Amino acid sequence: MKKDSVQVRLGSTEIVVDKNGFGALPIQRVSDEEAVVLLKKAYEGGMRFFDTARAYSDSEHKLGLAFEGIRKNLYIATKTGAQTGEDMRKDLAVSLEMLRTDYIDIYQFHNPSFCPKPGDGSGLYEAAMEAKAAGKIRHIGITNHRLGVAKEAIASGLYETLQFPFCYLATPKDEEVVEACKKADMGFIAMKALSGGLITNSAAAYAHAAQFDNVIPIWGIQRREELDEFLSYIENPPVMTKELKEIIKKDRAELAGDFCRGCGYCMPCPAGIEINNCARMSLLLRRSPSALQLTEEVQEKMKKIESCLHCNQCKSKCPYGLDTPALLAKNLEDYKKVLAGEVSVS
């Protein structure tokens, strides 16, 4: 039986879209032609919210190619990692050019280590207000991985949206952030809705998100079959069932405790270690086809862990407070056991 699609209102922005956002980070890995096919198919299938960033190499360019001529029919959110107002203005000018548009629906500060505010000396918020007054951006948002910055942004009353990691592996503290946004009439955009690929059942992920009426999950999409799966949820949105609850319960037990979310904010590594994948290799081996993780290329990447300088830069930059060097060493040890056949994985 066909169900009604699920709509979400992004707080005081009054943006109302289907509870299916397109996360455009992965399309930087495909050609212009393939990206345009994906994006147009997403639009034609009912998706209306597209999230990208200046930092995602050519992602904005690809959105511009796909949506020129139909721009007013959809919503685009992008981000700036600028640290000063002057650099934010430069970022915004490039984003507008790449996206082939004269306005951005939601312009977000991209995971700043502090909460930009008027008078803080950075000039960031003042530059955003200036751009909003000029009609170049319509709403000001912020993204973060840090609970403290997220809470400060909500309490400040300065932001219309918060983008924050949220999925069924979230902690009670994360759920408090969602509730605080709802009380503040602030839109909540859920990044890492599949926990960087560790969640393999998208129906369970959707059903969990559907329990929070102010949350829009953004799915990182790179392949057509992935897109088809999420588009099917527009006409037939998954609802929480006993079976899905069991899947969530099992995953929560398996992924309890400290694990790398793959956010990449620890990068770059002075020793060239691909931390955001290597530090969670044990989980990837057990949650995706192991052959993909056992190639010579991946083996070389894991071997680089042996060159760790123990400089602790990654540890100091981790928004989750993980002991990253120790986590890398543990994953390398496990990986070697798998290669040696001492430990079997699916």
C-alpha atoms as a PDB file:
ATOM      1  CA  MET A   1       0.000   0.000   0.000  1.00  0.00           C
ATOM      2  CA  LYS A   2       1.323   3.410  -0.997  1.00  0.00           C
ATOM      3  CA  LYS A   3       1.936   5.696   1.965  1.00  0.00           C
ATOM      4  CA  ASP A   4       1.897   9.484   2.117  1.00  0.00           C
ATOM      5  CA  SER A   5       5.269  11.123   1.643  1.00  0.00           C
ATOM      6  CA  VAL A   6       6.843  12.628   4.747  1.00  0.00           C
ATOM      7  CA  GLN A   7       7.461  16.376   4.708  1.00  0.00           C
ATOM      8  CA  VAL A   8       9.744  18.323   7.014  1.00  0.00           C
ATOM      9  CA  ARG A   9       9.766  22.046   7.784  1.00  0.00           C
ATOM     10  CA  LEU A  10      13.194  23.528   8.423  1.00  0.00           C
ATOM     11  CA  GLY A  11      12.297  25.746  11.340  1.00  0.00           C
ATOM     12  CA  SER A  12      11.922  29.475  10.824  1.00  0.00           C
ATOM     13  CA  THR A  13      13.223  29.238   7.238  1.00  0.00           C
ATOM     14  CA  GLU A  14       9.731  27.952   6.357  1.00  0.00           C
ATOM     15  CA  ILE A  15      11.396  25.651   3.829  1.00  0.00           C
ATOM     16  CA  VAL A  16       9.230  22.542   3.483  1.00  0.00           C
ATOM     17  CA  VAL A  17      10.620  19.551   1.586  1.00  0.00           C
ATOM     18  CA  ASP A  18      10.382  15.787   1.473  1.00  0.00           C
ATOM     19  CA  LYS A  19      12.302  14.079   4.267  1.00  0.00           C
ATOM     20  CA  ASN A  20      15.017  13.101   1.801  1.00  0.00           C
ATOM     21  CA  GLY A  21      17.982  15.422   1.295  1.00  0.00           C
ATOM     22  CA  PHE A  22      20.669  14.859  -1.322  1.00  0.00           C
ATOM     23  CA  GLY A  23      24.166  14.989   0.165  1.00  0.00           C
ATOM     24  CA  ALA A  24      26.392  16.094  -2.702  1.00  0.00           C
ATOM     25  CA  LEU A  25      29.831  15.330  -1.273  1.00  0.00           C
ATOM     26  CA  PRO A  26      30.162  11.951  -3.085  1.00  0.00           C
ATOM     27  CA  ILE A  27      29.411  13.342  -6.567  1.00  0.00           C
ATOM     28  CA  GLN A  28      32.869  14.900  -6.617  1.00  0.00           C
ATOM     29  CA  ARG A  29      34.064  11.331  -7.288  1.00  0.00           C
ATOM     30  CA  VAL A  30      32.087  10.885 -10.536  1.00  0.00           C
ATOM     31  CA  SER A  31      32.194  12.607 -13.924  1.00  0.00           C
ATOM     32  CA  ASP A  32      30.224  15.741 -14.766  1.00  0.00           C
ATOM     33  CA  GLU A  33      27.946  13.681 -16.998  1.00  0.00           C
ATOM     34  CA  GLU A  34      27.178  11.047 -14.350  1.00  0.00           C
ATOM     35  CA  ALA A  35      26.680  13.688 -11.664  1.00  0.00           C
ATOM     36  CA  VAL A  36      24.190  15.580 -13.831  1.00  0.00           C
ATOM     37  CA  VAL A  37      22.264  12.354 -14.502  1.00  0.00           C
ATOM     38  CA  LEU A  38      22.104  11.615 -10.756  1.00  0.00           C
ATOM     39  CA  LEU A  39      21.082  15.129  -9.765  1.00  0.00           C
ATOM     40  CA  LYS A  40      18.400  15.473 -12.433  1.00  0.00           C
ATOM     41  CA  LYS A  41      17.028  12.044 -11.581  1.00  0.00           C
ATOM     42  CA  ALA A  42      16.906  13.033  -7.916  1.00  0.00           C
ATOM     43  CA  TYR A  43      14.987  16.195  -8.787  1.00  0.00           C
ATOM     44  CA  GLU A  44      12.588  14.405 -11.127  1.00  0.00           C
ATOM     45  CA  GLY A  45      12.022  11.765  -8.447  1.00  0.00           C
ATOM     46  CA  GLY A  46      10.923  14.352  -5.884  1.00  0.00           C
ATOM     47  CA  MET A  47      14.055  15.453  -4.023  1.00  0.00           C
ATOM     48  CA  ARG A  48      14.179  19.205  -3.507  1.00  0.00           C
ATOM     49  CA  PHE A  49      16.934  19.766  -0.922  1.00  0.00           C
ATOM     50  CA  PHE A  50      20.563  19.561  -2.050  1.00  0.00           C
ATOM     51  CA  ASP A  51      23.516  20.098   0.288  1.00  0.00           C
ATOM     52  CA  THR A  52      27.051  20.817  -0.896  1.00  0.00           C
ATOM     53  CA  ALA A  53      30.104  22.844   0.173  1.00  0.00           C
ATOM     54  CA  ARG A  54      32.888  24.983  -1.211  1.00  0.00           C
ATOM     55  CA  ALA A  55      35.273  22.350   0.196  1.00  0.00           C
ATOM     56  CA  TYR A  56      33.765  19.520  -1.886  1.00  0.00           C
ATOM     57  CA  SER A  57      36.044  20.214  -4.897  1.00  0.00           C
ATOM     58  CA  ASP A  58      33.754  20.399  -7.974  1.00  0.00           C
ATOM     59  CA  SER A  59      30.461  19.425  -6.304  1.00  0.00           C
ATOM     60  CA  GLU A  60      29.010  22.948  -6.585  1.00  0.00           C
ATOM     61  CA  HIS A  61      29.994  23.084 -10.262  1.00  0.00           C
ATOM     62  CA  LYS A  62      28.066  19.881 -10.912  1.00  0.00           C
ATOM     63  CA  LEU A  63      24.953  21.183  -9.161  1.00  0.00           C
ATOM     64  CA  GLY A  64      25.206  24.294 -11.321  1.00  0.00           C
ATOM     65  CA  LEU A  65      25.332  22.191 -14.490  1.00  0.00           C
ATOM     66  CA  ALA A  66      22.329  20.115 -13.444  1.00  0.00           C
ATOM     67  CA  PHE A  67      20.011  22.810 -12.137  1.00  0.00           C
ATOM     68  CA  GLU A  68      20.550  25.812 -14.366  1.00  0.00           C
ATOM     69  CA  GLY A  69      17.102  26.764 -15.627  1.00  0.00           C
ATOM     70  CA  ILE A  70      15.173  25.076 -12.795  1.00  0.00           C
ATOM     71  CA  ARG A  71      17.003  26.697  -9.886  1.00  0.00           C
ATOM     72  CA  LYS A  72      13.891  28.319  -8.392  1.00  0.00           C
ATOM     73  CA  ASN A  73      12.178  24.943  -8.030  1.00  0.00           C
ATOM     74  CA  LEU A  74      14.600  23.573  -5.429  1.00  0.00           C
ATOM     75  CA  TYR A  75      16.704  24.468  -2.402  1.00  0.00           C
ATOM     76  CA  ILE A  76      20.490  24.562  -2.290  1.00  0.00           C
ATOM     77  CA  ALA A  77      22.543  24.670   0.899  1.00  0.00           C
ATOM     78  CA  THR A  78      26.284  25.189   0.702  1.00  0.00           C
ATOM     79  CA  LYS A  79      29.074  25.955   3.157  1.00  0.00           C
ATOM     80  CA  THR A  80      32.139  28.088   3.732  1.00  0.00           C
ATOM     81  CA  GLY A  81      35.166  27.112   5.777  1.00  0.00           C
ATOM     82  CA  ALA A  82      36.396  30.718   5.815  1.00  0.00           C
ATOM     83  CA  GLN A  83      37.914  32.058   9.018  1.00  0.00           C
ATOM     84  CA  THR A  84      37.451  35.759   8.188  1.00  0.00           C
ATOM     85  CA  GLY A  85      34.700  37.883   6.731  1.00  0.00           C
ATOM     86  CA  GLU A  86      36.890  38.793   3.759  1.00  0.00           C
ATOM     87  CA  ASP A  87      37.504  35.145   2.889  1.00  0.00           C
ATOM     88  CA  MET A  88      33.812  34.346   3.354  1.00  0.00           C
ATOM     89  CA  ARG A  89      32.916  36.959   0.735  1.00  0.00           C
ATOM     90  CA  LYS A  90      35.410  35.354  -1.662  1.00  0.00           C
ATOM     91  CA  ASP A  91      34.002  31.874  -0.984  1.00  0.00           C
ATOM     92  CA  LEU A  92      30.458  33.094  -1.543  1.00  0.00           C
ATOM     93  CA  ALA A  93      31.373  34.689  -4.871  1.00  0.00           C
ATOM     94  CA  VAL A  94      32.913  31.422  -6.081  1.00  0.00           C
ATOM     95  CA  SER A  95      29.939  29.379  -4.845  1.00  0.00           C
ATOM     96  CA  LEU A  96      27.461  31.600  -6.668  1.00  0.00           C
ATOM     97  CA  GLU A  97      29.493  31.304  -9.867  1.00  0.00           C
ATOM     98  CA  MET A  98      29.898  27.527  -9.608  1.00  0.00           C
ATOM     99  CA  LEU A  99      26.221  26.988  -8.769  1.00  0.00           C
ATOM    100  CA  ARG A 100      25.146  29.290 -11.615  1.00  0.00           C
ATOM    101  CA  THR A 101      22.785  31.152  -9.356  1.00  0.00           C
ATOM    102  CA  ASP A 102      22.416  34.598  -7.816  1.00  0.00           C
ATOM    103  CA  TYR A 103      21.339  33.336  -4.386  1.00  0.00           C
ATOM    104  CA  ILE A 104      21.877  30.465  -1.967  1.00  0.00           C
ATOM    105  CA  ASP A 105      18.992  29.245   0.179  1.00  0.00           C
ATOM    106  CA  ILE A 106      21.037  28.246   3.243  1.00  0.00           C
ATOM    107  CA  TYR A 107      24.632  29.429   3.644  1.00  0.00           C
ATOM    108  CA  GLN A 108      26.396  27.547   6.413  1.00  0.00           C
ATOM    109  CA  PHE A 109      29.607  28.056   8.364  1.00  0.00           C
ATOM    110  CA  HIS A 110      31.408  24.761   7.823  1.00  0.00           C
ATOM    111  CA  ASN A 111      32.355  23.071  11.118  1.00  0.00           C
ATOM    112  CA  PRO A 112      34.015  26.086  12.768  1.00  0.00           C
ATOM    113  CA  SER A 113      35.868  25.484  16.029  1.00  0.00           C
ATOM    114  CA  PHE A 114      33.842  28.346  17.544  1.00  0.00           C
ATOM    115  CA  CYS A 115      30.373  29.791  17.111  1.00  0.00           C
ATOM    116  CA  PRO A 116      30.649  32.898  14.901  1.00  0.00           C
ATOM    117  CA  LYS A 117      28.858  35.888  16.406  1.00  0.00           C
ATOM    118  CA  PRO A 118      28.675  39.620  15.730  1.00  0.00           C
ATOM    119  CA  GLY A 119      31.612  41.438  17.283  1.00  0.00           C
ATOM    120  CA  ASP A 120      33.806  38.342  17.786  1.00  0.00           C
ATOM    121  CA  GLY A 121      36.577  39.813  15.641  1.00  0.00           C
ATOM    122  CA  SER A 122      36.332  37.311  12.790  1.00  0.00           C
ATOM    123  CA  GLY A 123      33.864  39.357  10.777  1.00  0.00           C
ATOM    124  CA  LEU A 124      32.166  36.143   9.645  1.00  0.00           C
ATOM    125  CA  TYR A 125      28.691  36.792  10.945  1.00  0.00           C
ATOM    126  CA  GLU A 126      28.752  40.413   9.804  1.00  0.00           C
ATOM    127  CA  ALA A 127      29.718  39.266   6.283  1.00  0.00           C
ATOM    128  CA  ALA A 128      26.863  36.751   6.286  1.00  0.00           C
ATOM    129  CA  MET A 129      24.371  39.418   7.343  1.00  0.00           C
ATOM    130  CA  GLU A 130      25.701  41.716   4.640  1.00  0.00           C
ATOM    131  CA  ALA A 131      25.212  38.975   2.040  1.00  0.00           C
ATOM    132  CA  LYS A 132      21.716  38.275   3.343  1.00  0.00           C
ATOM    133  CA  ALA A 133      20.781  41.955   3.114  1.00  0.00           C
ATOM    134  CA  ALA A 134      22.037  41.947  -0.483  1.00  0.00           C
ATOM    135  CA  GLY A 135      19.879  38.920  -1.319  1.00  0.00           C
ATOM    136  CA  LYS A 136      22.845  36.660  -2.023  1.00  0.00           C
ATOM    137  CA  ILE A 137      21.882  34.280   0.776  1.00  0.00           C
ATOM    138  CA  ARG A 138      18.441  33.746   2.262  1.00  0.00           C
ATOM    139  CA  HIS A 139      19.187  31.924   5.509  1.00  0.00           C
ATOM    140  CA  ILE A 140      22.247  31.590   7.741  1.00  0.00           C
ATOM    141  CA  GLY A 141      23.172  28.164   9.100  1.00  0.00           C
ATOM    142  CA  ILE A 142      26.043  26.402  10.815  1.00  0.00           C
ATOM    143  CA  THR A 143      27.409  22.868  10.697  1.00  0.00           C
ATOM    144  CA  ASN A 144      29.374  21.184  13.440  1.00  0.00           C
ATOM    145  CA  HIS A 145      30.555  17.935  14.998  1.00  0.00           C
ATOM    146  CA  ARG A 146      31.098  19.434  18.444  1.00  0.00           C
ATOM    147  CA  LEU A 147      28.306  19.338  21.003  1.00  0.00           C
ATOM    148  CA  GLY A 148      29.532  22.501  22.688  1.00  0.00           C
ATOM    149  CA  VAL A 149      29.550  24.601  19.518  1.00  0.00           C
ATOM    150  CA  ALA A 150      26.188  23.170  18.444  1.00  0.00           C
ATOM    151  CA  LYS A 151      24.572  24.052  21.772  1.00  0.00           C
ATOM    152  CA  GLU A 152      26.077  27.535  21.694  1.00  0.00           C
ATOM    153  CA  ALA A 153      24.737  28.095  18.172  1.00  0.00           C
ATOM    154  CA  ILE A 154      21.236  27.078  19.249  1.00  0.00           C
ATOM    155  CA  ALA A 155      21.325  29.261  22.357  1.00  0.00           C
ATOM    156  CA  SER A 156      22.619  32.259  20.402  1.00  0.00           C
ATOM    157  CA  GLY A 157      19.447  32.633  18.351  1.00  0.00           C
ATOM    158  CA  LEU A 158      21.639  33.710  15.422  1.00  0.00           C
ATOM    159  CA  TYR A 159      21.152  30.683  13.193  1.00  0.00           C
ATOM    160  CA  GLU A 160      18.184  29.332  11.287  1.00  0.00           C
ATOM    161  CA  THR A 161      19.593  25.835  10.743  1.00  0.00           C
ATOM    162  CA  LEU A 162      22.052  23.454  12.372  1.00  0.00           C
ATOM    163  CA  GLN A 163      23.690  20.596  10.504  1.00  0.00           C
ATOM    164  CA  PHE A 164      24.927  17.962  12.939  1.00  0.00           C
ATOM    165  CA  PRO A 165      25.679  14.197  12.868  1.00  0.00           C
ATOM    166  CA  PHE A 166      22.532  12.237  13.648  1.00  0.00           C
ATOM    167  CA  CYS A 167      21.462   8.653  13.059  1.00  0.00           C
ATOM    168  CA  TYR A 168      20.245   5.719  15.140  1.00  0.00           C
ATOM    169  CA  LEU A 169      23.713   5.410  16.677  1.00  0.00           C
ATOM    170  CA  ALA A 170      23.256   8.834  18.257  1.00  0.00           C
ATOM    171  CA  THR A 171      23.654   9.343  21.988  1.00  0.00           C
ATOM    172  CA  PRO A 172      21.005  10.836  24.290  1.00  0.00           C
ATOM    173  CA  LYS A 173      23.076  14.054  24.232  1.00  0.00           C
ATOM    174  CA  ASP A 174      22.704  14.184  20.440  1.00  0.00           C
ATOM    175  CA  GLU A 175      18.945  13.714  20.770  1.00  0.00           C
ATOM    176  CA  GLU A 176      18.892  16.635  23.217  1.00  0.00           C
ATOM    177  CA  VAL A 177      20.377  18.799  20.442  1.00  0.00           C
ATOM    178  CA  VAL A 178      17.557  17.773  18.090  1.00  0.00           C
ATOM    179  CA  GLU A 179      14.970  18.646  20.743  1.00  0.00           C
ATOM    180  CA  ALA A 180      16.668  21.974  21.505  1.00  0.00           C
ATOM    181  CA  CYS A 181      16.507  22.889  17.816  1.00  0.00           C
ATOM    182  CA  LYS A 182      12.814  22.071  17.735  1.00  0.00           C
ATOM    183  CA  LYS A 183      12.145  24.295  20.751  1.00  0.00           C
ATOM    184  CA  ALA A 184      14.140  27.108  19.142  1.00  0.00           C
ATOM    185  CA  ASP A 185      12.299  26.649  15.810  1.00  0.00           C
ATOM    186  CA  MET A 186      15.645  25.944  14.194  1.00  0.00           C
ATOM    187  CA  GLY A 187      15.927  23.577  11.250  1.00  0.00           C
ATOM    188  CA  PHE A 188      17.935  20.397  11.892  1.00  0.00           C
ATOM    189  CA  ILE A 189      19.876  18.889   8.977  1.00  0.00           C
ATOM    190  CA  ALA A 190      21.173  15.416   9.822  1.00  0.00           C
ATOM    191  CA  MET A 191      24.588  14.676   8.362  1.00  0.00           C
ATOM    192  CA  LYS A 192      26.152  11.213   8.620  1.00  0.00           C
ATOM    193  CA  ALA A 193      22.655   9.728   8.474  1.00  0.00           C
ATOM    194  CA  LEU A 194      24.277   6.384   7.574  1.00  0.00           C
ATOM    195  CA  SER A 195      27.230   6.982   9.924  1.00  0.00           C
ATOM    196  CA  GLY A 196      29.709   7.224   7.082  1.00  0.00           C
ATOM    197  CA  GLY A 197      28.702   3.860   5.624  1.00  0.00           C
ATOM    198  CA  LEU A 198      28.644   1.870   8.868  1.00  0.00           C
ATOM    199  CA  ILE A 199      24.836   1.714   8.740  1.00  0.00           C
ATOM    200  CA  THR A 200      23.934  -0.604   5.894  1.00  0.00           C
ATOM    201  CA  ASN A 201      20.139  -0.674   6.228  1.00  0.00           C
ATOM    202  CA  SER A 202      18.824   2.609   4.876  1.00  0.00           C
ATOM    203  CA  ALA A 203      15.206   1.715   5.661  1.00  0.00           C
ATOM    204  CA  ALA A 204      16.094   1.455   9.342  1.00  0.00           C
ATOM    205  CA  ALA A 205      17.973   4.758   9.128  1.00  0.00           C
ATOM    206  CA  TYR A 206      14.990   6.444   7.475  1.00  0.00           C
ATOM    207  CA  ALA A 207      12.471   5.008   9.925  1.00  0.00           C
ATOM    208  CA  HIS A 208      14.562   6.275  12.836  1.00  0.00           C
ATOM    209  CA  ALA A 209      14.826   9.775  11.352  1.00  0.00           C
ATOM    210  CA  ALA A 210      11.078   9.776  10.663  1.00  0.00           C
ATOM    211  CA  GLN A 211      10.450   9.738  14.416  1.00  0.00           C
ATOM    212  CA  PHE A 212      11.836  13.299  14.605  1.00  0.00           C
ATOM    213  CA  ASP A 213       9.551  15.631  12.691  1.00  0.00           C
ATOM    214  CA  ASN A 214      12.041  18.531  12.554  1.00  0.00           C
ATOM    215  CA  VAL A 215      14.925  16.514  11.066  1.00  0.00           C
ATOM    216  CA  ILE A 216      15.868  16.234   7.401  1.00  0.00           C
ATOM    217  CA  PRO A 217      18.493  13.532   6.747  1.00  0.00           C
ATOM    218  CA  ILE A 218      20.905  14.138   3.881  1.00  0.00           C
ATOM    219  CA  TRP A 219      22.040  10.956   2.186  1.00  0.00           C
ATOM    220  CA  GLY A 220      25.470  10.881   0.553  1.00  0.00           C
ATOM    221  CA  ILE A 221      24.682   9.633  -2.950  1.00  0.00           C
ATOM    222  CA  GLN A 222      27.170   8.528  -5.609  1.00  0.00           C
ATOM    223  CA  ARG A 223      25.496   5.649  -7.464  1.00  0.00           C
ATOM    224  CA  ARG A 224      22.185   5.291  -9.271  1.00  0.00           C
ATOM    225  CA  GLU A 225      21.151   2.251  -7.250  1.00  0.00           C
ATOM    226  CA  GLU A 226      21.650   4.263  -4.037  1.00  0.00           C
ATOM    227  CA  LEU A 227      19.505   7.053  -5.430  1.00  0.00           C
ATOM    228  CA  ASP A 228      16.768   4.620  -6.498  1.00  0.00           C
ATOM    229  CA  GLU A 229      16.612   3.295  -2.944  1.00  0.00           C
ATOM    230  CA  PHE A 230      16.081   6.736  -1.415  1.00  0.00           C
ATOM    231  CA  LEU A 231      13.675   7.886  -4.120  1.00  0.00           C
ATOM    232  CA  SER A 232      11.510   4.851  -3.367  1.00  0.00           C
ATOM    233  CA  TYR A 233      11.082   6.225   0.162  1.00  0.00           C
ATOM    234  CA  ILE A 234       9.283   9.293  -1.158  1.00  0.00           C
ATOM    235  CA  GLU A 235       6.241   7.273  -2.190  1.00  0.00           C
ATOM    236  CA  ASN A 236       6.719   4.501   0.364  1.00  0.00           C
ATOM    237  CA  PRO A 237       8.508   5.916   3.417  1.00  0.00           C
ATOM    238  CA  PRO A 238       9.705   3.164   5.781  1.00  0.00           C
ATOM    239  CA  VAL A 239       8.030   3.096   9.177  1.00  0.00           C
ATOM    240  CA  MET A 240       9.444   1.582  12.331  1.00  0.00           C
ATOM    241  CA  THR A 241       8.618  -2.120  12.534  1.00  0.00           C
ATOM    242  CA  LYS A 242       9.636  -4.889  14.893  1.00  0.00           C
ATOM    243  CA  GLU A 243      12.157  -6.100  12.295  1.00  0.00           C
ATOM    244  CA  LEU A 244      13.752  -2.680  11.889  1.00  0.00           C
ATOM    245  CA  LYS A 245      13.895  -2.237  15.648  1.00  0.00           C
ATOM    246  CA  GLU A 246      15.835  -5.502  15.885  1.00  0.00           C
ATOM    247  CA  ILE A 247      18.310  -4.323  13.229  1.00  0.00           C
ATOM    248  CA  ILE A 248      18.838  -1.065  15.110  1.00  0.00           C
ATOM    249  CA  LYS A 249      19.254  -2.901  18.411  1.00  0.00           C
ATOM    250  CA  LYS A 250      21.876  -5.220  16.889  1.00  0.00           C
ATOM    251  CA  ASP A 251      23.787  -2.349  15.282  1.00  0.00           C
ATOM    252  CA  ARG A 252      23.768  -0.307  18.472  1.00  0.00           C
ATOM    253  CA  ALA A 253      25.236  -3.244  20.370  1.00  0.00           C
ATOM    254  CA  GLU A 254      27.897  -3.883  17.730  1.00  0.00           C
ATOM    255  CA  LEU A 255      28.871  -0.220  17.361  1.00  0.00           C
ATOM    256  CA  ALA A 256      28.659   0.791  20.994  1.00  0.00           C
ATOM    257  CA  GLY A 257      31.538   2.726  22.486  1.00  0.00           C
ATOM    258  CA  ASP A 258      34.268   4.666  20.740  1.00  0.00           C
ATOM    259  CA  PHE A 259      34.477   4.327  16.986  1.00  0.00           C
ATOM    260  CA  CYS A 260      35.634   6.559  14.151  1.00  0.00           C
ATOM    261  CA  ARG A 261      32.739   8.243  12.340  1.00  0.00           C
ATOM    262  CA  GLY A 262      34.903   8.968   9.301  1.00  0.00           C
ATOM    263  CA  CYS A 263      34.286  12.728   9.394  1.00  0.00           C
ATOM    264  CA  GLY A 264      37.861  13.478   8.299  1.00  0.00           C
ATOM    265  CA  TYR A 265      38.432  16.514  10.500  1.00  0.00           C
ATOM    266  CA  CYS A 266      41.620  14.869  11.764  1.00  0.00           C
ATOM    267  CA  MET A 267      43.092  15.163   8.280  1.00  0.00           C
ATOM    268  CA  PRO A 268      45.573  15.745   6.763  1.00  0.00           C
ATOM    269  CA  CYS A 269      47.997  13.403   8.502  1.00  0.00           C
ATOM    270  CA  PRO A 270      51.698  14.409   8.447  1.00  0.00           C
ATOM    271  CA  ALA A 271      52.583  10.751   7.861  1.00  0.00           C
ATOM    272  CA  GLY A 272      50.113  10.408   4.988  1.00  0.00           C
ATOM    273  CA  ILE A 273      47.768   8.017   6.820  1.00  0.00           C
ATOM    274  CA  GLU A 274      44.179   7.997   5.524  1.00  0.00           C
ATOM    275  CA  ILE A 275      42.897   8.190   9.086  1.00  0.00           C
ATOM    276  CA  ASN A 276      39.187   8.569   8.350  1.00  0.00           C
ATOM    277  CA  ASN A 277      39.077   5.114   6.745  1.00  0.00           C
ATOM    278  CA  CYS A 278      41.979   3.308   8.422  1.00  0.00           C
ATOM    279  CA  ALA A 279      40.750   4.088  11.949  1.00  0.00           C
ATOM    280  CA  ARG A 280      37.492   2.238  11.312  1.00  0.00           C
ATOM    281  CA  MET A 281      38.735  -0.578   9.099  1.00  0.00           C
ATOM    282  CA  SER A 282      37.720  -3.305  11.565  1.00  0.00           C
ATOM    283  CA  LEU A 283      34.105  -2.163  11.363  1.00  0.00           C
ATOM    284  CA  LEU A 284      34.189  -1.723   7.587  1.00  0.00           C
ATOM    285  CA  LEU A 285      35.502  -5.273   7.202  1.00  0.00           C
ATOM    286  CA  ARG A 286      32.558  -6.649   9.118  1.00  0.00           C
ATOM    287  CA  ARG A 287      29.852  -4.416   7.670  1.00  0.00           C
ATOM    288  CA  SER A 288      30.662  -4.392   3.956  1.00  0.00           C
ATOM    289  CA  PRO A 289      32.019  -7.006   1.523  1.00  0.00           C
ATOM    290  CA  SER A 290      35.487  -7.701   2.893  1.00  0.00           C
ATOM    291  CA  ALA A 291      37.052  -8.128  -0.559  1.00  0.00           C
ATOM    292  CA  LEU A 292      36.701  -4.385  -1.049  1.00  0.00           C
ATOM    293  CA  GLN A 293      38.875  -3.781   2.001  1.00  0.00           C
ATOM    294  CA  LEU A 294      41.536  -6.394   1.272  1.00  0.00           C
ATOM    295  CA  THR A 295      42.919  -5.129  -2.036  1.00  0.00           C
ATOM    296  CA  GLU A 296      46.622  -4.330  -2.417  1.00  0.00           C
ATOM    297  CA  GLU A 297      45.750  -0.640  -2.491  1.00  0.00           C
ATOM    298  CA  VAL A 298      43.975  -0.801   0.877  1.00  0.00           C
ATOM    299  CA  GLN A 299      46.741  -2.955   2.325  1.00  0.00           C
ATOM    300  CA  GLU A 300      49.259  -0.235   1.426  1.00  0.00           C
ATOM    301  CA  LYS A 301      47.072   2.382   3.089  1.00  0.00           C
ATOM    302  CA  MET A 302      46.862   0.326   6.271  1.00  0.00           C
ATOM    303  CA  LYS A 303      50.624  -0.306   6.259  1.00  0.00           C
ATOM    304  CA  LYS A 304      51.172   3.447   6.516  1.00  0.00           C
ATOM    305  CA  ILE A 305      49.880   3.252  10.100  1.00  0.00           C
ATOM    306  CA  GLU A 306      53.281   1.794  10.983  1.00  0.00           C
ATOM    307  CA  SER A 307      54.754   5.207  10.061  1.00  0.00           C
ATOM    308  CA  CYS A 308      52.606   7.027  12.631  1.00  0.00           C
ATOM    309  CA  LEU A 309      54.630   9.897  14.141  1.00  0.00           C
ATOM    310  CA  HIS A 310      52.555   9.910  17.349  1.00  0.00           C
ATOM    311  CA  CYS A 311      52.372  13.682  16.996  1.00  0.00           C
ATOM    312  CA  ASN A 312      48.779  13.525  18.318  1.00  0.00           C
ATOM    313  CA  GLN A 313      47.575  16.161  15.854  1.00  0.00           C
ATOM    314  CA  CYS A 314      44.716  13.853  14.859  1.00  0.00           C
ATOM    315  CA  LYS A 315      43.824  13.267  18.496  1.00  0.00           C
ATOM    316  CA  SER A 316      43.676  16.985  19.234  1.00  0.00           C
ATOM    317  CA  LYS A 317      41.465  17.660  16.182  1.00  0.00           C
ATOM    318  CA  CYS A 318      38.984  14.814  16.710  1.00  0.00           C
ATOM    319  CA  PRO A 319      35.572  16.356  17.545  1.00  0.00           C
ATOM    320  CA  TYR A 320      34.628  13.122  19.342  1.00  0.00           C
ATOM    321  CA  GLY A 321      37.666  13.105  21.627  1.00  0.00           C
ATOM    322  CA  LEU A 322      38.962   9.766  20.344  1.00  0.00           C
ATOM    323  CA  ASP A 323      42.476   8.497  21.037  1.00  0.00           C
ATOM    324  CA  THR A 324      43.090   8.251  17.305  1.00  0.00           C
ATOM    325  CA  PRO A 325      46.659   6.856  17.341  1.00  0.00           C
ATOM    326  CA  ALA A 326      45.544   4.032  19.648  1.00  0.00           C
ATOM    327  CA  LEU A 327      42.511   3.391  17.450  1.00  0.00           C
ATOM    328  CA  LEU A 328      44.732   3.203  14.349  1.00  0.00           C
ATOM    329  CA  ALA A 329      47.081   0.736  16.032  1.00  0.00           C
ATOM    330  CA  LYS A 330      44.158  -1.453  17.122  1.00  0.00           C
ATOM    331  CA  ASN A 331      42.685  -1.471  13.605  1.00  0.00           C
ATOM    332  CA  LEU A 332      46.041  -2.355  12.044  1.00  0.00           C
ATOM    333  CA  GLU A 333      46.472  -5.278  14.428  1.00  0.00           C
ATOM    334  CA  ASP A 334      43.002  -6.569  13.587  1.00  0.00           C
ATOM    335  CA  TYR A 335      43.596  -6.060   9.865  1.00  0.00           C
ATOM    336  CA  LYS A 336      46.778  -8.131   9.961  1.00  0.00           C
ATOM    337  CA  LYS A 337      44.893 -10.965  11.670  1.00  0.00           C
ATOM    338  CA  VAL A 338      42.256 -10.901   8.940  1.00  0.00           C
ATOM    339  CA  LEU A 339      44.924 -10.976   6.213  1.00  0.00           C
ATOM    340  CA  ALA A 340      46.651 -13.889   7.960  1.00  0.00           C
ATOM    341  CA  GLY A 341      43.375 -15.796   8.166  1.00  0.00           C
ATOM    342  CA  GLU A 342      43.441 -15.774  11.949  1.00  0.00           C
ATOM    343  CA  VAL A 343      40.115 -13.931  12.028  1.00  0.00           C
ATOM    344  CA  SER A 344      37.294 -14.562   9.566  1.00  0.00           C
ATOM    345  CA  VAL A 345      34.922 -11.901   8.328  1.00  0.00           C
ATOM    346  CA  SER A 346      31.919 -12.075   6.069  1.00  0.00           C
END
